Amino acid sequence: MAAAAPETAPTFNWTGMGRPEGAHIHYQSFNFAGQHYSLGDCVYLLPEEEGSPPYIARLVRAYEDANAKEAERLVIEVGGL
């Protein structure tokens, strides 16, 4: 039996030109795990809190925060529908 391939983290990259605003660089779209997303798109999300139900939200802001720690630099904000 062949060994299972190690899991790799989903890939992420910004698309298009960023718009600087203070310590943030705002973007209109990005690619994540092989899918393209743009501001205004609706997404199906799994909440961080265990036991909470999945929900649908709209992408409202996407930016990179130059002042944040490496693991917290990419910020994707969502809002209700």
N, C-alpha and C. Protein backbone atom coordinates (compact mmCIF):
# COMPACT_ATOMS: atom_id res chain seq x y z
N MET A 1 0.84 -1.18 0.00
CA MET A 1 0.00 0.00 0.00
C MET A 1 0.89 1.24 0.00
N ALA A 2 0.56 2.21 -0.82
CA ALA A 2 1.33 3.44 -0.93
C ALA A 2 1.07 4.33 0.28
N ALA A 3 2.10 5.05 0.68
CA ALA A 3 1.97 5.98 1.80
C ALA A 3 1.12 7.18 1.36
N ALA A 4 0.35 7.71 2.30
CA ALA A 4 -0.48 8.88 2.01
C ALA A 4 0.41 10.09 1.81
N ALA A 5 0.05 10.91 0.86
CA ALA A 5 0.80 12.14 0.61
C ALA A 5 0.58 13.11 1.77
N PRO A 6 1.61 13.83 2.18
CA PRO A 6 1.42 14.80 3.26
C PRO A 6 0.47 15.91 2.82
N GLU A 7 -0.33 16.38 3.77
CA GLU A 7 -1.25 17.48 3.46
C GLU A 7 -0.47 18.77 3.31
N THR A 8 -0.85 19.57 2.33
CA THR A 8 -0.21 20.87 2.15
C THR A 8 -1.23 21.95 2.44
N ALA A 9 -0.73 23.08 2.87
CA ALA A 9 -1.62 24.21 3.18
C ALA A 9 -2.21 24.74 1.88
N PRO A 10 -3.48 25.20 1.92
CA PRO A 10 -4.08 25.80 0.71
C PRO A 10 -3.26 27.01 0.28
N THR A 11 -3.17 27.21 -1.02
CA THR A 11 -2.41 28.34 -1.53
C THR A 11 -3.27 29.61 -1.54
N PHE A 12 -2.62 30.75 -1.35
CA PHE A 12 -3.28 32.04 -1.34
C PHE A 12 -2.43 33.02 -2.12
N ASN A 13 -3.05 33.85 -2.95
CA ASN A 13 -2.33 34.98 -3.57
C ASN A 13 -3.33 36.07 -3.96
N TRP A 14 -2.88 37.31 -3.81
CA TRP A 14 -3.67 38.46 -4.24
C TRP A 14 -3.68 38.50 -5.75
N THR A 15 -4.73 39.05 -6.35
CA THR A 15 -4.76 39.26 -7.79
C THR A 15 -5.02 40.74 -8.04
N GLY A 16 -4.46 41.27 -9.10
CA GLY A 16 -4.63 42.68 -9.41
C GLY A 16 -3.70 43.55 -8.59
N MET A 17 -3.82 44.84 -8.81
CA MET A 17 -2.98 45.82 -8.12
C MET A 17 -3.60 46.19 -6.77
N GLY A 18 -2.75 46.28 -5.76
CA GLY A 18 -3.21 46.70 -4.45
C GLY A 18 -3.28 48.22 -4.37
N ARG A 19 -4.16 48.71 -3.49
CA ARG A 19 -4.32 50.16 -3.28
C ARG A 19 -3.87 50.49 -1.86
N PRO A 20 -2.71 51.16 -1.70
CA PRO A 20 -2.21 51.49 -0.37
C PRO A 20 -3.15 52.45 0.37
N GLU A 21 -3.32 52.19 1.65
CA GLU A 21 -4.11 53.06 2.52
C GLU A 21 -3.53 52.94 3.93
N GLY A 22 -2.63 53.81 4.29
CA GLY A 22 -1.94 53.70 5.57
C GLY A 22 -1.07 52.46 5.59
N ALA A 23 -1.18 51.67 6.65
CA ALA A 23 -0.40 50.43 6.78
C ALA A 23 -1.04 49.27 6.04
N HIS A 24 -2.18 49.50 5.41
CA HIS A 24 -2.90 48.43 4.69
C HIS A 24 -2.74 48.59 3.19
N ILE A 25 -2.74 47.46 2.50
CA ILE A 25 -2.81 47.45 1.04
C ILE A 25 -4.09 46.70 0.69
N HIS A 26 -5.06 47.41 0.13
CA HIS A 26 -6.38 46.84 -0.18
C HIS A 26 -6.41 46.22 -1.57
N TYR A 27 -7.12 45.11 -1.68
CA TYR A 27 -7.24 44.39 -2.95
C TYR A 27 -8.71 44.14 -3.27
N GLN A 28 -9.01 43.98 -4.54
CA GLN A 28 -10.37 43.68 -5.00
C GLN A 28 -10.62 42.19 -5.16
N SER A 29 -9.54 41.40 -5.26
CA SER A 29 -9.72 39.96 -5.48
C SER A 29 -8.50 39.17 -5.05
N PHE A 30 -8.70 37.86 -4.92
CA PHE A 30 -7.62 36.96 -4.52
C PHE A 30 -7.97 35.54 -4.94
N ASN A 31 -6.95 34.68 -4.95
CA ASN A 31 -7.14 33.25 -5.21
C ASN A 31 -6.84 32.50 -3.93
N PHE A 32 -7.67 31.52 -3.61
CA PHE A 32 -7.46 30.70 -2.41
C PHE A 32 -7.87 29.27 -2.72
N ALA A 33 -6.96 28.35 -2.49
CA ALA A 33 -7.23 26.93 -2.68
C ALA A 33 -7.78 26.63 -4.07
N GLY A 34 -7.22 27.29 -5.07
CA GLY A 34 -7.62 27.03 -6.45
C GLY A 34 -8.89 27.72 -6.91
N GLN A 35 -9.48 28.57 -6.06
CA GLN A 35 -10.70 29.30 -6.42
C GLN A 35 -10.42 30.80 -6.44
N HIS A 36 -11.09 31.52 -7.34
CA HIS A 36 -10.94 32.97 -7.44
C HIS A 36 -12.10 33.63 -6.71
N TYR A 37 -11.81 34.64 -5.89
CA TYR A 37 -12.82 35.38 -5.13
C TYR A 37 -12.65 36.87 -5.37
N SER A 38 -13.76 37.60 -5.41
CA SER A 38 -13.75 39.06 -5.55
C SER A 38 -14.64 39.67 -4.48
N LEU A 39 -14.36 40.93 -4.12
CA LEU A 39 -15.24 41.61 -3.17
C LEU A 39 -16.66 41.58 -3.72
N GLY A 40 -17.61 41.35 -2.85
CA GLY A 40 -19.00 41.25 -3.24
C GLY A 40 -19.46 39.81 -3.43
N ASP A 41 -18.53 38.88 -3.60
CA ASP A 41 -18.90 37.47 -3.74
C ASP A 41 -19.49 36.96 -2.43
N CYS A 42 -20.40 36.01 -2.53
CA CYS A 42 -20.93 35.32 -1.37
C CYS A 42 -20.14 34.03 -1.18
N VAL A 43 -19.84 33.70 0.08
CA VAL A 43 -19.05 32.52 0.40
C VAL A 43 -19.71 31.71 1.51
N TYR A 44 -19.49 30.41 1.48
CA TYR A 44 -19.99 29.48 2.49
C TYR A 44 -18.86 29.29 3.49
N LEU A 45 -19.09 29.63 4.76
CA LEU A 45 -18.03 29.61 5.76
C LEU A 45 -18.33 28.65 6.91
N LEU A 46 -17.26 28.07 7.41
CA LEU A 46 -17.34 27.25 8.62
C LEU A 46 -16.81 28.10 9.76
N PRO A 47 -17.62 28.32 10.81
CA PRO A 47 -17.19 29.20 11.90
C PRO A 47 -16.03 28.59 12.69
N GLU A 48 -15.25 29.46 13.33
CA GLU A 48 -14.14 29.00 14.16
C GLU A 48 -14.64 28.34 15.44
N GLU A 49 -15.79 28.78 15.94
CA GLU A 49 -16.34 28.24 17.18
C GLU A 49 -16.96 26.87 16.91
N GLU A 50 -16.42 25.86 17.56
CA GLU A 50 -16.91 24.50 17.37
C GLU A 50 -18.39 24.39 17.78
N GLY A 51 -19.17 23.69 16.97
CA GLY A 51 -20.57 23.50 17.26
C GLY A 51 -21.48 24.55 16.64
N SER A 52 -20.90 25.64 16.14
CA SER A 52 -21.71 26.67 15.47
C SER A 52 -21.98 26.23 14.04
N PRO A 53 -23.16 26.58 13.51
CA PRO A 53 -23.49 26.14 12.15
C PRO A 53 -22.74 26.93 11.08
N PRO A 54 -22.52 26.32 9.92
CA PRO A 54 -21.94 27.05 8.78
C PRO A 54 -22.88 28.20 8.39
N TYR A 55 -22.35 29.19 7.67
CA TYR A 55 -23.18 30.32 7.27
C TYR A 55 -22.69 30.88 5.94
N ILE A 56 -23.51 31.72 5.33
CA ILE A 56 -23.17 32.38 4.08
C ILE A 56 -22.95 33.86 4.37
N ALA A 57 -21.87 34.42 3.82
CA ALA A 57 -21.54 35.84 4.04
C ALA A 57 -21.01 36.42 2.73
N ARG A 58 -20.94 37.74 2.69
CA ARG A 58 -20.42 38.45 1.51
C ARG A 58 -19.04 39.01 1.84
N LEU A 59 -18.10 38.88 0.89
CA LEU A 59 -16.76 39.45 1.06
C LEU A 59 -16.85 40.96 0.94
N VAL A 60 -16.43 41.70 1.97
CA VAL A 60 -16.58 43.16 1.95
C VAL A 60 -15.24 43.91 1.92
N ARG A 61 -14.18 43.34 2.48
CA ARG A 61 -12.86 43.99 2.43
C ARG A 61 -11.79 42.91 2.41
N ALA A 62 -10.71 43.19 1.70
CA ALA A 62 -9.58 42.27 1.65
C ALA A 62 -8.31 43.11 1.62
N TYR A 63 -7.44 42.90 2.59
CA TYR A 63 -6.23 43.69 2.63
C TYR A 63 -5.10 42.97 3.35
N GLU A 64 -3.89 43.49 3.15
CA GLU A 64 -2.72 43.00 3.85
C GLU A 64 -2.30 44.09 4.83
N ASP A 65 -2.09 43.70 6.08
CA ASP A 65 -1.73 44.64 7.15
C ASP A 65 -0.23 44.53 7.41
N ALA A 66 0.53 45.54 6.99
CA ALA A 66 1.98 45.51 7.12
C ALA A 66 2.44 45.53 8.57
N ASN A 67 1.59 45.97 9.49
CA ASN A 67 1.97 46.05 10.91
C ASN A 67 1.67 44.79 11.69
N ALA A 68 0.96 43.84 11.11
CA ALA A 68 0.56 42.63 11.83
C ALA A 68 1.65 41.57 11.77
N LYS A 69 1.57 40.61 12.71
CA LYS A 69 2.48 39.47 12.68
C LYS A 69 2.22 38.66 11.40
N GLU A 70 3.21 37.91 10.97
CA GLU A 70 3.13 37.16 9.71
C GLU A 70 1.84 36.36 9.59
N ALA A 71 1.45 35.64 10.62
CA ALA A 71 0.27 34.79 10.56
C ALA A 71 -1.04 35.58 10.49
N GLU A 72 -0.99 36.88 10.79
CA GLU A 72 -2.21 37.70 10.83
C GLU A 72 -2.20 38.81 9.79
N ARG A 73 -1.28 38.77 8.82
CA ARG A 73 -1.15 39.85 7.84
C ARG A 73 -2.29 39.91 6.83
N LEU A 74 -2.81 38.76 6.44
CA LEU A 74 -3.88 38.72 5.43
C LEU A 74 -5.22 38.84 6.13
N VAL A 75 -6.01 39.84 5.73
CA VAL A 75 -7.30 40.09 6.39
C VAL A 75 -8.40 40.05 5.33
N ILE A 76 -9.36 39.16 5.54
CA ILE A 76 -10.54 39.06 4.68
C ILE A 76 -11.74 39.30 5.59
N GLU A 77 -12.48 40.39 5.35
CA GLU A 77 -13.63 40.71 6.18
C GLU A 77 -14.91 40.35 5.43
N VAL A 78 -15.86 39.81 6.18
CA VAL A 78 -17.15 39.43 5.60
C VAL A 78 -18.26 40.15 6.33
N GLY A 79 -19.40 40.27 5.68
CA GLY A 79 -20.59 40.88 6.28
C GLY A 79 -21.80 40.03 5.94
N GLY A 80 -22.88 40.33 6.60
CA GLY A 80 -24.13 39.62 6.33
C GLY A 80 -24.66 39.94 4.96
N LEU A 81 -25.62 39.16 4.56
CA LEU A 81 -26.20 39.35 3.23
C LEU A 81 -27.23 40.45 3.23
